[in-house]
C-alpha atoms as a PDB file:
ATOM      1  CA  MET A   1     104.392 132.595 183.616  1.00  0.00           C
ATOM      2  CA  THR A   2     104.722 131.355 180.037  1.00  0.00           C
ATOM      3  CA  TRP A   3     100.993 131.653 179.314  1.00  0.00           C
ATOM      4  CA  LYS A   4     100.917 135.122 180.858  1.00  0.00           C
ATOM      5  CA  GLY A   5     103.870 136.172 178.721  1.00  0.00           C
ATOM      6  CA  LEU A   6     102.231 134.858 175.565  1.00  0.00           C
ATOM      7  CA  ALA A   7      98.967 136.607 176.463  1.00  0.00           C
ATOM      8  CA  GLU A   8     100.817 139.939 176.427  1.00  0.00           C
ATOM      9  CA  HIS A   9     101.564 139.468 172.721  1.00  0.00           C
ATOM     10  CA  PHE A  10      98.706 137.343 171.378  1.00  0.00           C
ATOM     11  CA  GLY A  11      94.922 137.431 171.487  1.00  0.00           C
ATOM     12  CA  ASP A  12      92.631 134.640 172.702  1.00  0.00           C
ATOM     13  CA  ALA A  13      92.199 133.081 169.249  1.00  0.00           C
ATOM     14  CA  GLU A  14      95.954 133.048 168.677  1.00  0.00           C
ATOM     15  CA  LEU A  15      96.604 131.494 172.098  1.00  0.00           C
ATOM     16  CA  ILE A  16      94.175 128.689 171.293  1.00  0.00           C
ATOM     17  CA  GLU A  17      95.863 128.194 167.924  1.00  0.00           C
ATOM     18  CA  ILE A  18      99.295 127.947 169.592  1.00  0.00           C
ATOM     19  CA  ALA A  19      98.010 125.292 172.012  1.00  0.00           C
ATOM     20  CA  MET A  20      96.407 123.341 169.147  1.00  0.00           C
ATOM     21  CA  LEU A  21      99.607 123.523 167.071  1.00  0.00           C
ATOM     22  CA  VAL A  22     101.737 122.211 169.939  1.00  0.00           C
ATOM     23  CA  GLY A  23      99.226 119.395 170.493  1.00  0.00           C
ATOM     24  CA  GLN A  24      99.286 118.496 166.796  1.00  0.00           C
ATOM     25  CA  TYR A  25     103.092 118.237 166.730  1.00  0.00           C
ATOM     26  CA  HIS A  26     102.997 116.169 169.920  1.00  0.00           C
ATOM     27  CA  MET A  27     100.438 113.782 168.404  1.00  0.00           C
ATOM     28  CA  VAL A  28     102.469 113.378 165.205  1.00  0.00           C
ATOM     29  CA  ALA A  29     105.616 112.645 167.219  1.00  0.00           C
ATOM     30  CA  PHE A  30     103.808 109.969 169.270  1.00  0.00           C
ATOM     31  CA  PHE A  31     102.404 108.419 166.078  1.00  0.00           C
ATOM     32  CA  LEU A  32     105.809 108.317 164.375  1.00  0.00           C
ATOM     33  CA  ASN A  33     107.428 106.781 167.473  1.00  0.00           C
ATOM     34  CA  ALA A  34     104.631 104.226 167.909  1.00  0.00           C
ATOM     35  CA  THR A  35     104.796 103.091 164.295  1.00  0.00           C
ATOM     36  CA  GLY A  36     108.594 102.884 164.277  1.00  0.00           C
ATOM     37  CA  VAL A  37     109.248 105.476 161.583  1.00  0.00           C
ATOM     38  CA  GLU A  38     112.984 106.070 161.393  1.00  0.00           C
ATOM     39  CA  LEU A  39     114.828 109.290 160.585  1.00  0.00           C
ATOM     40  CA  GLU A  40     116.069 109.762 157.053  1.00  0.00           C
ATOM     41  CA  PRO A  41     119.790 109.075 156.631  1.00  0.00           C
ATOM     42  CA  GLY A  42     121.930 112.110 157.456  1.00  0.00           C
ATOM     43  CA  PHE A  43     119.682 113.553 160.177  1.00  0.00           C
ATOM     44  CA  ASP A  44     120.108 113.301 163.912  1.00  0.00           C
ATOM     45  CA  GLY A  45     117.396 113.468 166.587  1.00  0.00           C
ATOM     46  CA  THR A  46     117.337 117.277 166.532  1.00  0.00           C
ATOM     47  CA  GLY A  47     116.318 117.482 162.871  1.00  0.00           C
ATOM     48  CA  PHE A  48     119.633 118.993 161.807  1.00  0.00           C
ATOM     49  CA  THR A  49     121.971 117.250 159.422  1.00  0.00           C
ATOM     50  CA  GLU A  50     124.759 115.367 161.162  1.00  0.00           C
ATOM     51  CA  GLY A  51     127.920 117.358 161.725  1.00  0.00           C
ATOM     52  CA  ARG A  52     126.213 120.697 161.079  1.00  0.00           C
ATOM     53  CA  VAL A  53     125.888 123.088 164.004  1.00  0.00           C
ATOM     54  CA  GLU A  54     123.327 125.867 163.872  1.00  0.00           C
ATOM     55  CA  PRO A  55     124.294 129.203 165.472  1.00  0.00           C
END
């Protein structure tokens, strides 16, 4: 369903680019976890600053 929904709005080249972008972010996350990189002070696991709630 998700791919079909995306295909209604994006062309083939854009769909491939979306898949590659998601894969890139996934790879970076695995690398950072594997090497033990820690978050900068003041950020939680969501990427938002601590105590700040986004609408």
